[in-house]
Protein backbone atom coordinates (compact mmCIF):
# COMPACT_ATOMS: atom_id res chain seq x y z
CA MET A 1 71.70 5.38 141.25
CA MET A 2 68.01 6.58 140.75
CA ILE A 3 65.00 4.48 140.30
CA GLU A 4 62.74 5.25 137.37
CA LYS A 5 60.20 7.73 138.40
CA LYS A 6 57.29 5.77 136.94
CA LEU A 7 58.32 2.77 139.08
CA CYS A 8 58.45 4.95 142.17
CA GLU A 9 54.82 6.00 141.34
CA LYS A 10 53.61 2.49 140.54
CA LEU A 11 54.97 1.20 143.82
CA GLN A 12 54.09 4.33 145.87
CA ILE A 13 57.83 4.85 146.98
CA THR A 14 58.56 7.98 148.72
CA ASP A 15 62.21 7.22 149.59
CA TYR A 16 64.66 4.47 149.38
CA THR A 17 68.03 3.29 150.27
CA VAL A 18 70.60 1.37 148.21
CA LEU A 19 71.80 -1.59 150.46
CA GLY A 20 74.24 -3.04 148.02
CA ARG A 21 75.01 -3.88 144.41
CA PHE A 22 75.06 -7.37 142.99
CA CYS A 23 77.68 -8.72 140.56
CA SER A 24 76.45 -8.53 137.04
CA ARG A 25 78.30 -8.64 133.73
CA ARG A 26 75.59 -6.76 131.84
CA ASN A 27 73.40 -4.75 134.01
CA ALA A 28 73.28 -2.59 137.04
CA VAL A 29 71.57 -4.66 139.91
CA TYR A 30 70.96 -3.21 143.29
CA HIS A 31 69.38 -4.29 146.59
CA ILE A 32 66.93 -1.63 147.75
CA ASN A 33 65.07 -0.92 150.89
CA ALA A 34 62.06 1.31 150.05
CA HIS A 35 59.57 3.37 152.08
CA ARG A 36 55.97 3.57 150.91
CA GLU A 37 53.35 6.36 151.21
CA ASP A 38 51.53 4.07 153.74
CA GLY A 39 54.48 4.02 156.05
CA GLN A 40 55.37 0.38 155.13
CA THR A 41 59.00 -0.66 154.13
CA PHE A 42 60.06 -3.48 151.89
CA ASP A 43 63.08 -4.85 150.18
CA PHE A 44 63.44 -5.50 146.51
CA VAL A 45 65.87 -5.89 143.52
CA TYR A 46 66.26 -3.18 140.97
CA LYS A 47 67.69 -4.43 137.87
CA ALA A 48 68.53 -1.68 135.32
CA TYR A 49 69.22 -3.10 131.77
CA LEU A 50 72.28 -1.93 130.11
CA TYR A 51 72.89 -4.84 127.67
CA GLY A 52 70.59 -7.51 128.63
CA ASP A 53 67.09 -8.40 127.26
CA MET A 54 64.56 -7.15 129.94
CA GLN A 55 61.39 -8.30 128.02
CA ASN A 56 62.68 -11.80 127.56
CA GLU A 57 63.58 -12.02 131.35
CA ALA A 58 60.26 -10.45 132.37
CA GLU A 59 58.26 -12.97 130.33
CA SER A 60 60.32 -15.87 131.43
CA LEU A 61 59.99 -14.94 135.13
CA ARG A 62 56.23 -14.56 134.75
CA ARG A 63 55.91 -17.98 133.03
CA MET A 64 57.87 -19.63 135.80
CA GLN A 65 56.06 -17.81 138.56
CA GLY A 66 55.53 -20.09 141.62
CA GLN A 67 58.50 -22.22 140.80
CA ASN A 68 61.34 -20.74 142.87
CA VAL A 69 62.12 -17.69 140.79
CA PRO A 70 61.59 -13.92 141.99
CA ALA A 71 58.35 -12.24 141.29
CA VAL A 72 58.21 -9.41 138.87
CA ILE A 73 56.80 -6.54 141.23
CA ALA A 74 56.93 -3.84 138.56
CA GLN A 75 58.19 -3.24 135.02
CA GLY A 76 59.53 0.14 133.79
CA ASP A 77 61.03 1.36 130.59
CA GLN A 78 64.61 -0.10 131.21
CA ALA A 79 64.20 -1.76 134.54
CA LEU A 80 62.48 -4.30 136.58
CA CYS A 81 61.70 -4.37 140.28
CA LEU A 82 62.10 -7.92 141.52
CA GLU A 83 61.32 -9.82 144.72
CA TYR A 84 64.32 -10.08 146.94
CA ILE A 85 65.19 -13.46 147.78
CA LYS A 86 67.41 -14.10 150.82
CA GLY A 87 70.07 -16.74 151.05
CA PRO A 88 73.56 -17.67 149.77
CA LEU A 89 74.49 -18.14 146.25
CA LEU A 90 74.95 -21.65 144.97
CA LEU A 91 78.53 -20.73 144.34
CA GLU A 92 79.09 -19.75 148.01
CA CYS A 93 77.58 -23.19 148.99
CA LEU A 94 80.00 -24.96 146.71
CA GLU A 95 83.00 -22.85 148.42
CA GLN A 96 81.75 -23.76 151.84
CA SER A 97 81.27 -27.50 151.08
CA GLU A 98 84.87 -27.51 149.55
CA ALA A 99 86.30 -25.71 152.64
CA GLN A 100 84.65 -28.04 155.06
CA GLY A 101 85.52 -31.16 152.90
CA GLN A 102 81.96 -31.91 152.36
CA PRO A 103 80.43 -33.28 149.08
CA PHE A 104 78.51 -30.96 146.93
CA ASP A 105 76.04 -33.66 145.85
CA LYS A 106 72.88 -32.23 147.56
CA TYR A 107 73.35 -28.91 145.82
CA VAL A 108 73.84 -30.52 142.48
CA ASP A 109 70.59 -32.44 142.93
CA CYS A 110 68.86 -29.22 143.85
CA LEU A 111 70.04 -27.68 140.67
CA LEU A 112 69.04 -30.44 138.58
CA SER A 113 65.45 -30.62 140.26
CA PHE A 114 65.20 -26.92 139.50
CA LEU A 115 66.16 -27.38 135.80
CA GLN A 116 63.70 -30.27 135.58
CA ARG A 117 60.89 -28.01 136.60
CA PHE A 118 62.00 -25.42 134.25
CA TYR A 119 62.12 -27.66 131.30
CA VAL A 120 58.65 -28.90 132.10
CA ILE A 121 57.22 -25.46 132.07
CA MET A 122 59.43 -24.15 129.28
CA PRO A 123 59.58 -27.05 126.84
CA GLY A 124 62.27 -26.74 124.11
CA ILE A 125 63.91 -23.81 126.10
CA ALA A 126 67.30 -23.87 127.69
CA TYR A 127 68.15 -21.67 130.86
CA GLY A 128 71.17 -20.26 128.95
CA ASP A 129 73.44 -19.16 131.78
CA THR A 130 73.90 -21.73 134.44
CA ASN A 131 76.57 -19.77 136.13
CA LEU A 132 76.28 -20.77 139.94
CA ARG A 133 76.03 -17.06 140.84
CA ASN A 134 72.54 -17.14 139.20
CA PHE A 135 70.98 -19.42 141.76
CA ILE A 136 70.21 -18.86 145.44
CA CYS A 137 69.87 -21.45 148.15
CA ALA A 138 66.89 -20.01 149.83
CA ALA A 139 65.05 -21.46 152.93
CA HIS A 140 62.18 -22.88 150.57
CA GLY A 141 64.60 -24.38 147.95
CA LEU A 142 66.97 -23.47 145.15
CA CYS A 143 65.98 -20.35 143.22
CA GLY A 144 66.92 -19.10 139.89
CA ILE A 145 67.45 -15.45 139.86
CA ASP A 146 68.76 -14.56 136.33
CA MET A 147 66.85 -15.47 133.24
CA GLU A 148 68.10 -13.00 130.72
CA GLU A 149 69.62 -15.73 128.37
CA VAL A 150 66.50 -18.04 128.36
CA ARG A 151 66.11 -19.11 124.85
CA HIS A 152 65.48 -22.22 122.56
CA GLY A 153 68.37 -24.65 123.14
CA ASP A 154 69.77 -27.81 124.43
CA LYS A 155 69.54 -29.34 128.06
CA ALA A 156 72.95 -30.79 127.54
CA ALA A 157 74.33 -27.25 127.00
CA ASP A 158 72.81 -26.07 130.41
CA ILE A 159 74.33 -28.95 132.34
CA GLY A 160 77.64 -28.85 130.47
CA LYS A 161 77.95 -25.00 130.99
CA ALA A 162 77.24 -25.65 134.80
CA ALA A 163 79.90 -28.25 135.03
CA ALA A 164 82.39 -25.88 133.27
CA TYR A 165 81.66 -23.02 135.73
CA ILE A 166 82.02 -25.54 138.73
CA LEU A 167 85.50 -26.55 137.45
CA THR A 168 86.74 -23.10 136.81
CA TYR A 169 86.06 -21.00 139.99
CA ASP A 170 89.17 -20.26 142.06
CA PRO A 171 90.79 -22.56 142.95
CA THR A 172 90.19 -24.39 139.69
CA HIS A 173 90.00 -28.09 138.85
CA THR A 174 90.32 -29.11 142.60
CA SER A 175 89.38 -32.62 143.54
CA CYS A 176 86.13 -31.43 145.15
CA LYS A 177 85.19 -29.51 141.89
CA GLN A 178 86.09 -32.44 139.55
CA GLN A 179 83.96 -34.76 141.81
CA ALA A 180 80.89 -32.33 141.77
CA ALA A 181 81.25 -31.79 137.98
CA HIS A 182 81.30 -35.46 137.41
CA TYR A 183 78.37 -36.02 139.65
CA LEU A 184 76.47 -33.37 137.73
CA ILE A 185 77.27 -34.88 134.27
CA GLN A 186 76.34 -38.32 135.27
CA ASN A 187 73.14 -37.57 137.22
CA GLY A 188 72.06 -34.91 134.51
CA ALA A 189 72.46 -37.56 131.93
CA ALA A 190 70.48 -40.11 133.80
CA ARG A 191 67.61 -37.65 134.83
CA PHE A 192 67.14 -36.16 131.46
CA GLY A 193 68.16 -39.13 129.19
CA ILE A 194 71.05 -37.39 127.57
CA SER A 195 74.24 -38.88 126.78
CA ALA A 196 76.89 -38.21 129.27
CA LYS A 197 79.35 -37.76 126.36
CA HIS A 198 77.14 -35.04 124.78
CA ILE A 199 77.16 -33.15 128.21
CA GLU A 200 81.00 -33.51 128.37
CA GLU A 201 81.29 -32.19 124.78
CA GLN A 202 79.30 -29.24 125.75
CA MET A 203 81.27 -28.63 128.92
CA HIS A 204 84.51 -28.55 126.78
CA ARG A 205 82.92 -26.34 124.28
CA GLU A 206 82.14 -23.82 127.28
CA LEU A 207 85.65 -24.25 128.69
CA GLU A 208 87.02 -23.29 125.25
CA ALA A 209 84.55 -20.24 125.05
CA MET A 210 85.77 -19.29 128.66
CA HIS A 211 89.45 -19.24 127.64
CA VAL A 212 88.69 -17.01 124.59
CA ARG A 213 86.58 -14.67 126.89
CA ARG A 214 89.43 -14.38 129.49
CA ALA A 215 92.04 -13.85 126.80
CA LEU A 216 90.13 -11.08 125.30
CA LYS A 217 89.56 -9.51 128.69
CA ASN A 218 93.19 -9.70 129.49
CA ALA A 219 94.11 -8.14 126.17
CA ARG A 220 91.71 -5.15 126.85
CA HIS A 221 93.18 -4.71 130.36
CA MET A 222 96.74 -4.73 128.89
CA HIS A 223 95.67 -2.29 126.10
CA ASP A 224 94.05 -0.04 128.72
CA GLY A 225 97.16 -0.18 130.97
CA ILE A 226 99.31 0.88 128.12
CA GLY A 227 97.03 3.70 127.19
CA LYS A 228 97.10 4.94 130.76
CA LYS A 229 100.95 4.85 130.94
CA ALA A 230 101.23 6.70 127.54
């Protein structure tokens, strides 16, 4: 993995170390520790766009600056250098709460509060991908870290998708996850003045879309396996 030369020049980076790679369906995302010309070191996230919309994400992050999203440190031709935010993923907090038999309510409230700020700053816009891997429970609050799919849309779709994701992380549809999804739907409806039924419809729509995506993925894996055997 190589950082774009122009970004190294912008940030005065003389050397860097890849500390890890983050999970991403569309892009190559890395945790970088860099050394500057002045002898200082700093960490950042290097996001190289393979299929995602870099410009859309950069503009969205800049509009949300100061509202618990990573700062855009530098922008290249096909990559962004983003502020590194330390903390567990919202998904990891859900899994830990479930393992300890603790309710997930406080994390749902944090997610709804983040989305509320987002909708105030970005009226008429939906977050798009409310996968729990796209949020970090940082020391200063819940942070949204992936805004590639921000677009005009429906608040109910954001909340319904988040509920669908909650239900389908392994192990799926457990009592804890059902309670968390129900709490999200009921409190999201109350907070944003949306019908809980409408949110549930969006949740079921996302569950159906997940089923189709996973069926296609399994079919591709099966096809690849047959090709390798042949």
